[in-house]
N, C-alpha and C. Protein backbone atom coordinates (compact mmCIF):
# COMPACT_ATOMS: atom_id res chain seq x y z
N MET A 1 0.84 -1.19 0.00
CA MET A 1 0.00 0.00 0.00
C MET A 1 0.88 1.25 0.00
N SER A 2 1.84 1.30 0.94
CA SER A 2 2.70 2.47 1.02
C SER A 2 3.59 2.57 -0.21
N THR A 3 3.99 1.38 -0.76
CA THR A 3 4.82 1.38 -1.95
C THR A 3 4.09 2.01 -3.12
N LEU A 4 2.82 1.65 -3.28
CA LEU A 4 2.01 2.22 -4.35
C LEU A 4 1.81 3.71 -4.15
N ALA A 5 1.64 4.12 -2.94
CA ALA A 5 1.39 5.53 -2.65
C ALA A 5 2.62 6.38 -2.94
N ASN A 6 3.82 5.77 -2.80
CA ASN A 6 5.04 6.53 -2.99
C ASN A 6 5.48 6.60 -4.46
N ARG A 7 4.81 5.85 -5.30
CA ARG A 7 5.18 5.86 -6.70
C ARG A 7 4.81 7.19 -7.35
N GLN A 8 5.73 7.72 -8.14
CA GLN A 8 5.48 8.96 -8.85
C GLN A 8 4.88 8.66 -10.21
N PRO A 9 3.87 9.39 -10.62
CA PRO A 9 3.29 9.15 -11.95
C PRO A 9 4.33 9.45 -13.03
N GLN A 10 4.37 8.60 -14.04
CA GLN A 10 5.34 8.77 -15.11
C GLN A 10 4.89 9.89 -16.03
N ALA A 11 5.85 10.69 -16.48
CA ALA A 11 5.54 11.79 -17.38
C ALA A 11 5.22 11.26 -18.76
N ASP A 12 4.35 11.93 -19.46
CA ASP A 12 4.02 11.58 -20.83
C ASP A 12 5.23 11.91 -21.70
N PRO A 13 5.81 10.92 -22.41
CA PRO A 13 7.00 11.18 -23.22
C PRO A 13 6.81 12.32 -24.23
N SER A 14 5.59 12.47 -24.73
CA SER A 14 5.34 13.51 -25.73
C SER A 14 5.47 14.91 -25.16
N GLU A 15 5.44 15.03 -23.83
CA GLU A 15 5.54 16.33 -23.18
C GLU A 15 6.97 16.66 -22.75
N LEU A 16 7.90 15.72 -22.97
CA LEU A 16 9.28 15.93 -22.56
C LEU A 16 10.09 16.59 -23.68
N THR A 17 11.12 17.32 -23.31
CA THR A 17 12.00 17.91 -24.30
C THR A 17 12.87 16.82 -24.92
N ASP A 18 13.49 17.14 -26.04
CA ASP A 18 14.40 16.18 -26.67
C ASP A 18 15.50 15.75 -25.70
N GLU A 19 16.02 16.72 -24.98
CA GLU A 19 17.12 16.43 -24.05
C GLU A 19 16.66 15.50 -22.92
N MET A 20 15.44 15.73 -22.43
CA MET A 20 14.90 14.88 -21.37
C MET A 20 14.67 13.46 -21.89
N LEU A 21 14.24 13.34 -23.13
CA LEU A 21 14.02 12.02 -23.71
C LEU A 21 15.33 11.25 -23.82
N LEU A 22 16.35 11.91 -24.35
CA LEU A 22 17.62 11.21 -24.56
C LEU A 22 18.30 10.87 -23.24
N LEU A 23 18.34 11.84 -22.33
CA LEU A 23 18.97 11.59 -21.04
C LEU A 23 18.19 10.57 -20.22
N GLY A 24 16.87 10.63 -20.35
CA GLY A 24 16.04 9.65 -19.65
C GLY A 24 16.25 8.25 -20.19
N TYR A 25 16.37 8.14 -21.50
CA TYR A 25 16.62 6.83 -22.11
C TYR A 25 17.99 6.31 -21.69
N ARG A 26 18.96 7.20 -21.66
CA ARG A 26 20.31 6.80 -21.28
C ARG A 26 20.36 6.27 -19.85
N SER A 27 19.60 6.89 -18.96
CA SER A 27 19.68 6.51 -17.55
C SER A 27 18.76 5.35 -17.19
N THR A 28 17.67 5.17 -17.92
CA THR A 28 16.69 4.14 -17.57
C THR A 28 16.57 3.01 -18.57
N GLY A 29 16.97 3.29 -19.83
CA GLY A 29 16.80 2.28 -20.86
C GLY A 29 15.35 2.12 -21.29
N ASP A 30 14.51 3.07 -20.94
CA ASP A 30 13.09 3.02 -21.28
C ASP A 30 12.92 3.23 -22.79
N HIS A 31 12.50 2.17 -23.48
CA HIS A 31 12.37 2.24 -24.94
C HIS A 31 11.28 3.20 -25.38
N ALA A 32 10.31 3.47 -24.53
CA ALA A 32 9.25 4.41 -24.89
C ALA A 32 9.83 5.81 -25.11
N LEU A 33 10.85 6.16 -24.35
CA LEU A 33 11.49 7.45 -24.51
C LEU A 33 12.25 7.53 -25.83
N PHE A 34 12.94 6.45 -26.16
CA PHE A 34 13.68 6.41 -27.42
C PHE A 34 12.73 6.44 -28.60
N GLU A 35 11.65 5.70 -28.51
CA GLU A 35 10.66 5.65 -29.59
C GLU A 35 10.02 7.01 -29.81
N GLN A 36 9.82 7.76 -28.73
CA GLN A 36 9.25 9.10 -28.86
C GLN A 36 10.22 10.03 -29.59
N LEU A 37 11.51 9.87 -29.30
CA LEU A 37 12.52 10.69 -29.97
C LEU A 37 12.57 10.36 -31.46
N VAL A 38 12.50 9.09 -31.79
CA VAL A 38 12.48 8.67 -33.19
C VAL A 38 11.24 9.24 -33.89
N LYS A 39 10.11 9.11 -33.25
CA LYS A 39 8.86 9.61 -33.82
C LYS A 39 8.91 11.11 -34.06
N ARG A 40 9.50 11.83 -33.12
CA ARG A 40 9.56 13.29 -33.20
C ARG A 40 10.41 13.75 -34.37
N TYR A 41 11.46 13.00 -34.69
CA TYR A 41 12.37 13.40 -35.76
C TYR A 41 12.14 12.64 -37.07
N GLU A 42 11.19 11.75 -37.10
CA GLU A 42 10.99 10.91 -38.27
C GLU A 42 10.76 11.73 -39.54
N GLN A 43 9.85 12.67 -39.48
CA GLN A 43 9.53 13.46 -40.67
C GLN A 43 10.64 14.45 -41.04
N PRO A 44 11.06 15.33 -40.12
CA PRO A 44 12.08 16.32 -40.52
C PRO A 44 13.43 15.71 -40.87
N LEU A 45 13.86 14.70 -40.13
CA LEU A 45 15.18 14.14 -40.39
C LEU A 45 15.18 13.33 -41.68
N TYR A 46 14.11 12.58 -41.92
CA TYR A 46 14.03 11.82 -43.17
C TYR A 46 13.99 12.77 -44.36
N SER A 47 13.23 13.86 -44.24
CA SER A 47 13.16 14.85 -45.31
C SER A 47 14.54 15.44 -45.59
N TYR A 48 15.28 15.75 -44.53
CA TYR A 48 16.63 16.27 -44.69
C TYR A 48 17.53 15.28 -45.41
N LEU A 49 17.48 14.02 -45.00
CA LEU A 49 18.34 13.00 -45.60
C LEU A 49 17.95 12.73 -47.05
N ARG A 50 16.68 12.74 -47.34
CA ARG A 50 16.25 12.51 -48.73
C ARG A 50 16.73 13.65 -49.62
N ARG A 51 16.67 14.87 -49.11
CA ARG A 51 17.15 16.00 -49.89
C ARG A 51 18.68 15.94 -50.06
N TYR A 52 19.36 15.59 -48.99
CA TYR A 52 20.82 15.55 -49.03
C TYR A 52 21.32 14.43 -49.94
N LEU A 53 20.68 13.27 -49.86
CA LEU A 53 21.14 12.11 -50.61
C LEU A 53 20.53 12.00 -51.99
N GLY A 54 19.35 12.61 -52.17
CA GLY A 54 18.68 12.52 -53.46
C GLY A 54 18.14 11.14 -53.77
N ASN A 55 17.92 10.34 -52.74
CA ASN A 55 17.47 8.96 -52.95
C ASN A 55 16.67 8.52 -51.73
N SER A 56 15.41 8.14 -51.93
CA SER A 56 14.54 7.79 -50.81
C SER A 56 15.01 6.53 -50.09
N GLU A 57 15.46 5.55 -50.85
CA GLU A 57 15.90 4.29 -50.23
C GLU A 57 17.14 4.51 -49.37
N MET A 58 18.07 5.29 -49.89
CA MET A 58 19.27 5.60 -49.10
C MET A 58 18.90 6.40 -47.86
N ALA A 59 17.94 7.32 -48.01
CA ALA A 59 17.52 8.13 -46.87
C ALA A 59 16.94 7.26 -45.77
N GLU A 60 16.16 6.26 -46.14
CA GLU A 60 15.59 5.35 -45.14
C GLU A 60 16.69 4.58 -44.42
N ASP A 61 17.66 4.10 -45.19
CA ASP A 61 18.76 3.33 -44.59
C ASP A 61 19.57 4.20 -43.64
N VAL A 62 19.86 5.43 -44.06
CA VAL A 62 20.67 6.32 -43.24
C VAL A 62 19.90 6.77 -42.01
N PHE A 63 18.59 6.95 -42.15
CA PHE A 63 17.76 7.30 -41.00
C PHE A 63 17.88 6.21 -39.93
N GLN A 64 17.79 4.95 -40.36
CA GLN A 64 17.91 3.83 -39.42
C GLN A 64 19.29 3.79 -38.78
N SER A 65 20.32 3.98 -39.60
CA SER A 65 21.68 3.92 -39.06
C SER A 65 21.96 5.10 -38.13
N THR A 66 21.30 6.23 -38.40
CA THR A 66 21.48 7.40 -37.53
C THR A 66 21.00 7.09 -36.12
N PHE A 67 19.81 6.51 -36.01
CA PHE A 67 19.29 6.24 -34.68
C PHE A 67 19.95 5.04 -34.02
N LEU A 68 20.54 4.19 -34.83
CA LEU A 68 21.38 3.14 -34.23
C LEU A 68 22.58 3.79 -33.57
N GLN A 69 23.16 4.79 -34.23
CA GLN A 69 24.29 5.52 -33.66
C GLN A 69 23.87 6.33 -32.43
N VAL A 70 22.65 6.88 -32.47
CA VAL A 70 22.15 7.61 -31.30
C VAL A 70 22.09 6.67 -30.10
N HIS A 71 21.61 5.45 -30.34
CA HIS A 71 21.55 4.44 -29.26
C HIS A 71 22.96 4.11 -28.75
N VAL A 72 23.87 3.90 -29.68
CA VAL A 72 25.22 3.51 -29.31
C VAL A 72 25.97 4.64 -28.60
N LYS A 73 25.75 5.89 -29.07
CA LYS A 73 26.53 7.03 -28.60
C LYS A 73 25.82 7.89 -27.56
N CYS A 74 24.66 7.45 -27.10
CA CYS A 74 23.91 8.31 -26.17
C CYS A 74 24.70 8.59 -24.90
N ALA A 75 25.61 7.68 -24.53
CA ALA A 75 26.43 7.91 -23.34
C ALA A 75 27.40 9.06 -23.56
N GLN A 76 27.68 9.40 -24.82
CA GLN A 76 28.62 10.48 -25.12
C GLN A 76 27.94 11.84 -25.16
N PHE A 77 26.62 11.85 -25.14
CA PHE A 77 25.89 13.12 -25.20
C PHE A 77 26.10 13.86 -23.88
N GLN A 78 26.48 15.12 -23.99
CA GLN A 78 26.81 15.92 -22.81
C GLN A 78 25.59 16.69 -22.33
N SER A 79 25.31 16.60 -21.06
CA SER A 79 24.21 17.36 -20.48
C SER A 79 24.46 18.85 -20.69
N GLY A 80 23.41 19.56 -21.03
CA GLY A 80 23.53 20.98 -21.30
C GLY A 80 23.58 21.30 -22.78
N ARG A 81 23.85 20.27 -23.61
CA ARG A 81 23.84 20.46 -25.05
C ARG A 81 22.42 20.30 -25.58
N LYS A 82 22.22 20.68 -26.83
CA LYS A 82 20.95 20.49 -27.50
C LYS A 82 21.00 19.22 -28.35
N VAL A 83 19.93 18.46 -28.32
CA VAL A 83 19.88 17.21 -29.08
C VAL A 83 19.81 17.49 -30.58
N HIS A 84 19.08 18.52 -30.98
CA HIS A 84 18.83 18.77 -32.40
C HIS A 84 20.10 18.83 -33.24
N PRO A 85 21.05 19.73 -32.96
CA PRO A 85 22.27 19.77 -33.78
C PRO A 85 23.13 18.52 -33.61
N TRP A 86 23.12 17.94 -32.42
CA TRP A 86 23.89 16.71 -32.18
C TRP A 86 23.36 15.58 -33.07
N LEU A 87 22.04 15.48 -33.17
CA LEU A 87 21.41 14.45 -33.97
C LEU A 87 21.68 14.67 -35.46
N TYR A 88 21.59 15.92 -35.90
CA TYR A 88 21.85 16.23 -37.31
C TYR A 88 23.31 16.02 -37.66
N ARG A 89 24.18 16.20 -36.69
CA ARG A 89 25.59 15.93 -36.95
C ARG A 89 25.80 14.44 -37.21
N ILE A 90 25.18 13.60 -36.41
CA ILE A 90 25.27 12.16 -36.62
C ILE A 90 24.69 11.78 -37.97
N ALA A 91 23.52 12.34 -38.30
CA ALA A 91 22.86 12.03 -39.57
C ALA A 91 23.72 12.46 -40.75
N THR A 92 24.33 13.64 -40.65
CA THR A 92 25.18 14.13 -41.74
C THR A 92 26.38 13.23 -41.95
N ASN A 93 27.00 12.83 -40.87
CA ASN A 93 28.16 11.93 -40.98
C ASN A 93 27.76 10.58 -41.57
N GLN A 94 26.59 10.08 -41.17
CA GLN A 94 26.12 8.82 -41.73
C GLN A 94 25.81 8.96 -43.22
N ALA A 95 25.27 10.11 -43.60
CA ALA A 95 24.95 10.35 -45.02
C ALA A 95 26.23 10.44 -45.85
N ILE A 96 27.23 11.11 -45.31
CA ILE A 96 28.51 11.22 -46.02
C ILE A 96 29.13 9.84 -46.21
N ASP A 97 29.07 9.03 -45.17
CA ASP A 97 29.61 7.67 -45.27
C ASP A 97 28.85 6.86 -46.32
N ALA A 98 27.52 7.03 -46.36
CA ALA A 98 26.70 6.29 -47.33
C ALA A 98 27.06 6.70 -48.75
N LEU A 99 27.27 7.99 -48.97
CA LEU A 99 27.64 8.46 -50.30
C LEU A 99 29.01 7.94 -50.72
N ARG A 100 29.92 7.89 -49.77
CA ARG A 100 31.24 7.37 -50.09
C ARG A 100 31.18 5.89 -50.45
N ARG A 101 30.36 5.16 -49.71
CA ARG A 101 30.24 3.73 -49.99
C ARG A 101 29.64 3.47 -51.35
N ARG A 102 28.67 4.25 -51.71
CA ARG A 102 27.97 4.01 -52.99
C ARG A 102 28.54 4.82 -54.13
N ARG A 103 29.56 5.62 -53.83
CA ARG A 103 30.26 6.38 -54.87
C ARG A 103 29.29 7.15 -55.75
N CYS A 104 28.38 7.86 -55.10
CA CYS A 104 27.43 8.66 -55.86
C CYS A 104 27.37 10.05 -55.26
N ARG A 105 26.74 10.94 -55.98
CA ARG A 105 26.60 12.32 -55.55
C ARG A 105 25.16 12.59 -55.21
N PRO A 106 24.88 13.44 -54.20
CA PRO A 106 23.49 13.77 -53.88
C PRO A 106 22.85 14.58 -55.00
N ALA A 107 21.58 14.29 -55.27
CA ALA A 107 20.84 15.01 -56.30
C ALA A 107 19.83 15.91 -55.64
N LEU A 108 19.94 17.21 -55.88
CA LEU A 108 19.04 18.17 -55.26
C LEU A 108 18.38 19.00 -56.34
N SER A 109 17.20 19.51 -56.02
CA SER A 109 16.50 20.35 -56.98
C SER A 109 16.21 21.70 -56.35
N LEU A 110 16.44 22.76 -57.13
CA LEU A 110 16.18 24.12 -56.65
C LEU A 110 15.57 24.92 -57.77
N ASP A 111 14.75 25.89 -57.41
CA ASP A 111 14.22 26.80 -58.41
C ASP A 111 15.27 27.82 -58.79
N VAL A 112 15.34 28.12 -60.06
CA VAL A 112 16.17 29.22 -60.50
C VAL A 112 15.46 30.54 -60.21
N TRP A 113 14.14 30.54 -60.37
CA TRP A 113 13.35 31.75 -60.14
C TRP A 113 12.22 31.47 -59.18
N CYS A 114 11.91 32.46 -58.40
CA CYS A 114 10.78 32.40 -57.48
C CYS A 114 9.69 33.32 -58.02
N ARG A 115 8.46 32.81 -58.19
CA ARG A 115 7.36 33.62 -58.69
C ARG A 115 6.43 33.95 -57.53
N TRP A 116 6.23 35.24 -57.27
CA TRP A 116 5.40 35.70 -56.17
C TRP A 116 3.95 35.86 -56.60
N GLN A 117 3.09 36.02 -55.61
CA GLN A 117 1.67 36.10 -55.89
C GLN A 117 1.31 37.31 -56.75
N ASP A 118 2.06 38.38 -56.68
CA ASP A 118 1.75 39.56 -57.47
C ASP A 118 2.26 39.44 -58.91
N GLY A 119 2.85 38.30 -59.23
CA GLY A 119 3.26 38.05 -60.60
C GLY A 119 4.73 38.30 -60.89
N HIS A 120 5.43 39.03 -60.03
CA HIS A 120 6.83 39.32 -60.33
C HIS A 120 7.70 38.14 -59.95
N THR A 121 8.82 38.01 -60.64
CA THR A 121 9.76 36.93 -60.36
C THR A 121 11.03 37.50 -59.78
N GLN A 122 11.75 36.62 -59.07
CA GLN A 122 12.98 37.03 -58.40
C GLN A 122 13.93 35.85 -58.36
N PRO A 123 15.21 36.06 -58.67
CA PRO A 123 16.16 34.95 -58.57
C PRO A 123 16.14 34.35 -57.17
N TRP A 124 16.09 33.03 -57.08
CA TRP A 124 16.01 32.41 -55.77
C TRP A 124 17.26 32.70 -54.95
N ILE A 125 18.37 32.96 -55.63
CA ILE A 125 19.60 33.25 -54.91
C ILE A 125 19.44 34.53 -54.10
N ASP A 126 18.64 35.49 -54.64
CA ASP A 126 18.40 36.73 -53.91
C ASP A 126 17.48 36.47 -52.72
N VAL A 127 16.54 35.55 -52.90
CA VAL A 127 15.63 35.22 -51.81
C VAL A 127 16.38 34.55 -50.67
N MET A 128 17.36 33.71 -51.00
CA MET A 128 18.16 33.04 -49.98
C MET A 128 18.89 34.04 -49.11
N ALA A 129 19.30 35.14 -49.70
CA ALA A 129 20.04 36.14 -48.96
C ALA A 129 19.13 37.03 -48.12
N ASP A 130 17.82 36.89 -48.30
CA ASP A 130 16.85 37.69 -47.55
C ASP A 130 16.71 37.14 -46.14
N ASP A 131 16.58 38.01 -45.16
CA ASP A 131 16.42 37.58 -43.77
C ASP A 131 14.98 37.22 -43.44
N ASP A 132 14.06 37.46 -44.38
CA ASP A 132 12.65 37.20 -44.13
C ASP A 132 12.37 35.71 -44.19
N PRO A 133 12.00 35.07 -43.05
CA PRO A 133 11.75 33.62 -43.07
C PRO A 133 10.58 33.26 -43.96
N GLY A 134 9.63 34.19 -44.14
CA GLY A 134 8.49 33.92 -45.02
C GLY A 134 8.93 33.73 -46.46
N ALA A 135 9.95 34.49 -46.87
CA ALA A 135 10.47 34.36 -48.23
C ALA A 135 11.10 32.99 -48.44
N LEU A 136 11.84 32.53 -47.43
CA LEU A 136 12.46 31.21 -47.54
C LEU A 136 11.41 30.10 -47.58
N ALA A 137 10.37 30.25 -46.78
CA ALA A 137 9.31 29.24 -46.77
C ALA A 137 8.60 29.22 -48.12
N HIS A 138 8.38 30.40 -48.69
CA HIS A 138 7.73 30.47 -49.99
C HIS A 138 8.59 29.79 -51.05
N LEU A 139 9.88 30.05 -51.01
CA LEU A 139 10.77 29.45 -51.98
C LEU A 139 10.76 27.93 -51.88
N GLU A 140 10.75 27.41 -50.67
CA GLU A 140 10.76 25.97 -50.50
C GLU A 140 9.48 25.34 -51.06
N ARG A 141 8.35 26.03 -50.89
CA ARG A 141 7.10 25.53 -51.46
C ARG A 141 7.16 25.56 -52.98
N GLN A 142 7.78 26.60 -53.52
CA GLN A 142 7.89 26.73 -54.96
C GLN A 142 8.78 25.64 -55.57
N GLU A 143 9.69 25.13 -54.74
CA GLU A 143 10.64 24.15 -55.25
C GLU A 143 9.95 22.94 -55.87
N ALA A 144 8.86 22.49 -55.24
CA ALA A 144 8.17 21.30 -55.70
C ALA A 144 7.24 21.59 -56.86
N GLN A 145 7.06 22.85 -57.23
CA GLN A 145 6.07 23.21 -58.23
C GLN A 145 6.68 23.75 -59.52
N SER A 146 7.89 24.18 -59.50
CA SER A 146 8.48 24.86 -60.64
C SER A 146 9.64 24.09 -61.23
N GLY A 147 10.34 24.74 -62.16
CA GLY A 147 11.50 24.13 -62.79
C GLY A 147 12.63 23.95 -61.81
N THR A 148 13.59 23.09 -62.16
CA THR A 148 14.70 22.78 -61.26
C THR A 148 16.04 23.09 -61.93
N THR A 149 17.08 23.12 -61.15
CA THR A 149 18.42 23.35 -61.67
C THR A 149 19.42 22.47 -60.96
N ARG A 150 20.53 22.24 -61.62
CA ARG A 150 21.60 21.43 -61.03
C ARG A 150 22.68 22.30 -60.40
N ALA A 151 22.38 23.57 -60.25
CA ALA A 151 23.41 24.51 -59.76
C ALA A 151 23.98 24.07 -58.42
N LEU A 152 23.12 23.64 -57.50
CA LEU A 152 23.62 23.28 -56.18
C LEU A 152 24.49 22.04 -56.23
N ASN A 153 24.20 21.13 -57.16
CA ASN A 153 25.00 19.92 -57.26
C ASN A 153 26.43 20.21 -57.70
N GLN A 154 26.66 21.37 -58.31
CA GLN A 154 27.99 21.71 -58.79
C GLN A 154 28.87 22.29 -57.68
N LEU A 155 28.27 22.54 -56.52
CA LEU A 155 29.05 23.08 -55.41
C LEU A 155 29.92 22.00 -54.79
N PRO A 156 31.08 22.38 -54.27
CA PRO A 156 31.87 21.44 -53.48
C PRO A 156 31.05 21.00 -52.26
N GLU A 157 31.29 19.81 -51.80
CA GLU A 157 30.50 19.24 -50.71
C GLU A 157 30.43 20.13 -49.47
N PRO A 158 31.53 20.74 -49.02
CA PRO A 158 31.46 21.58 -47.81
C PRO A 158 30.49 22.76 -47.97
N LEU A 159 30.46 23.36 -49.17
CA LEU A 159 29.55 24.49 -49.40
C LEU A 159 28.11 24.01 -49.47
N LYS A 160 27.92 22.87 -50.09
CA LYS A 160 26.57 22.31 -50.24
C LYS A 160 25.97 21.96 -48.88
N GLN A 161 26.78 21.42 -48.01
CA GLN A 161 26.30 21.06 -46.67
C GLN A 161 25.74 22.27 -45.94
N VAL A 162 26.46 23.37 -46.01
CA VAL A 162 26.02 24.58 -45.32
C VAL A 162 24.71 25.09 -45.89
N VAL A 163 24.59 25.11 -47.20
CA VAL A 163 23.36 25.59 -47.84
C VAL A 163 22.17 24.74 -47.42
N ILE A 164 22.33 23.44 -47.42
CA ILE A 164 21.23 22.55 -47.06
C ILE A 164 20.81 22.75 -45.61
N LEU A 165 21.78 22.79 -44.72
CA LEU A 165 21.45 22.91 -43.30
C LEU A 165 20.83 24.27 -42.97
N VAL A 166 21.40 25.34 -43.50
CA VAL A 166 20.92 26.67 -43.15
C VAL A 166 19.67 27.04 -43.94
N PHE A 167 19.67 26.78 -45.24
CA PHE A 167 18.57 27.20 -46.08
C PHE A 167 17.37 26.26 -45.98
N PHE A 168 17.59 24.99 -46.25
CA PHE A 168 16.48 24.04 -46.27
C PHE A 168 16.04 23.60 -44.89
N GLU A 169 17.00 23.34 -44.00
CA GLU A 169 16.63 22.84 -42.68
C GLU A 169 16.38 23.94 -41.67
N GLY A 170 16.71 25.15 -42.00
CA GLY A 170 16.41 26.28 -41.13
C GLY A 170 17.28 26.37 -39.89
N LEU A 171 18.44 25.72 -39.90
CA LEU A 171 19.33 25.81 -38.74
C LEU A 171 19.98 27.19 -38.71
N LYS A 172 20.23 27.66 -37.51
CA LYS A 172 20.99 28.89 -37.35
C LYS A 172 22.45 28.60 -37.67
N TYR A 173 23.19 29.64 -37.98
CA TYR A 173 24.60 29.44 -38.33
C TYR A 173 25.35 28.69 -37.23
N ARG A 174 25.08 29.05 -35.97
CA ARG A 174 25.80 28.41 -34.87
C ARG A 174 25.42 26.93 -34.75
N GLU A 175 24.17 26.60 -35.09
CA GLU A 175 23.74 25.20 -35.05
C GLU A 175 24.39 24.42 -36.19
N ALA A 176 24.46 25.03 -37.37
CA ALA A 176 25.14 24.38 -38.49
C ALA A 176 26.61 24.16 -38.17
N ALA A 177 27.20 25.12 -37.47
CA ALA A 177 28.61 24.98 -37.07
C ALA A 177 28.80 23.77 -36.16
N GLU A 178 27.85 23.58 -35.26
CA GLU A 178 27.93 22.43 -34.35
C GLU A 178 27.73 21.13 -35.09
N VAL A 179 26.77 21.12 -36.03
CA VAL A 179 26.51 19.91 -36.81
C VAL A 179 27.75 19.49 -37.59
N LEU A 180 28.41 20.46 -38.20
CA LEU A 180 29.54 20.17 -39.07
C LEU A 180 30.88 20.20 -38.34
N SER A 181 30.85 20.55 -37.05
CA SER A 181 32.08 20.60 -36.24
C SER A 181 33.10 21.58 -36.83
N ILE A 182 32.61 22.75 -37.21
CA ILE A 182 33.48 23.78 -37.75
C ILE A 182 33.17 25.10 -37.04
N PRO A 183 34.08 26.09 -37.08
CA PRO A 183 33.82 27.37 -36.43
C PRO A 183 32.66 28.12 -37.09
N LEU A 184 32.04 28.98 -36.31
CA LEU A 184 30.93 29.79 -36.81
C LEU A 184 31.36 30.62 -38.01
N GLY A 185 32.54 31.20 -37.93
CA GLY A 185 33.03 32.02 -39.04
C GLY A 185 33.18 31.23 -40.33
N THR A 186 33.53 29.95 -40.21
CA THR A 186 33.67 29.10 -41.38
C THR A 186 32.32 28.86 -42.04
N VAL A 187 31.28 28.67 -41.23
CA VAL A 187 29.94 28.50 -41.78
C VAL A 187 29.56 29.73 -42.59
N LYS A 188 29.79 30.91 -42.04
CA LYS A 188 29.41 32.15 -42.73
C LYS A 188 30.21 32.32 -44.02
N SER A 189 31.49 32.03 -43.97
CA SER A 189 32.31 32.20 -45.17
C SER A 189 31.90 31.19 -46.24
N ARG A 190 31.54 29.97 -45.83
CA ARG A 190 31.11 28.97 -46.80
C ARG A 190 29.78 29.35 -47.43
N MET A 191 28.89 29.92 -46.62
CA MET A 191 27.61 30.36 -47.17
C MET A 191 27.82 31.46 -48.20
N HIS A 192 28.67 32.43 -47.88
CA HIS A 192 28.95 33.51 -48.83
C HIS A 192 29.57 32.96 -50.11
N ALA A 193 30.49 32.00 -49.96
CA ALA A 193 31.13 31.41 -51.13
C ALA A 193 30.11 30.63 -51.96
N ALA A 194 29.20 29.92 -51.28
CA ALA A 194 28.18 29.16 -51.99
C ALA A 194 27.25 30.08 -52.77
N LEU A 195 26.83 31.18 -52.14
CA LEU A 195 25.95 32.13 -52.82
C LEU A 195 26.64 32.72 -54.04
N ARG A 196 27.90 33.03 -53.90
CA ARG A 196 28.64 33.61 -55.02
C ARG A 196 28.74 32.62 -56.18
N ARG A 197 29.07 31.39 -55.87
CA ARG A 197 29.21 30.37 -56.92
C ARG A 197 27.86 30.06 -57.58
N LEU A 198 26.81 30.02 -56.77
CA LEU A 198 25.49 29.74 -57.34
C LEU A 198 25.05 30.90 -58.24
N GLN A 199 25.35 32.11 -57.83
CA GLN A 199 25.02 33.28 -58.64
C GLN A 199 25.74 33.20 -59.98
N GLU A 200 27.01 32.85 -59.96
CA GLU A 200 27.79 32.72 -61.18
C GLU A 200 27.26 31.60 -62.07
N SER A 201 26.86 30.50 -61.44
CA SER A 201 26.34 29.37 -62.20
C SER A 201 25.03 29.72 -62.88
N ILE A 202 24.17 30.44 -62.16
CA ILE A 202 22.87 30.81 -62.73
C ILE A 202 23.05 31.78 -63.89
N HIS A 203 23.95 32.76 -63.74
CA HIS A 203 24.18 33.73 -64.80
C HIS A 203 24.80 33.08 -66.03
N ALA A 204 25.49 31.96 -65.80
CA ALA A 204 26.15 31.30 -66.92
C ALA A 204 25.19 30.48 -67.76
N VAL A 205 23.98 30.21 -67.21
CA VAL A 205 22.99 29.38 -67.94
C VAL A 205 22.44 30.16 -69.12
């Protein structure tokens, strides 16, 4: 009777932060916590991997291997850090390894032009440089509806990684720096270099 009375009600995993889920799983081995973390990242992380790899089957495989690594490396996660960039760092490394194994390049599609509701068009490269998040969201929606270009595929891998993480995934520069294990200044310089090269590529078409 007293034992039952002293039991604390378990928290709903869906109400816990990512950090609480991972640390809780690490300390208790409760699979419900791990499953909630997988469920929470299933859509955004798979979307990121599919875009990065350009192949749905590879994205599924890398998604699975990513969370296998999360399970294996959860003891290395440091309290006080954020799970989101740590998880994307693991996923990015797994994706790079998958590409090396299969000796292929990621295939990405981007709009050369963005068409706004008032009818005017604007180079997507200019929209990327805009600080307005609504413009970026509009461009991403347009990506699935309009023509595509191979401009991004022509970028060196380090520049491409930054564009995908910052532009498509919406990570802040400091988060992208953590994902890629590079200084913040390097992320900014790579983004500027990527924008310059993409601008040159588009003008050359």
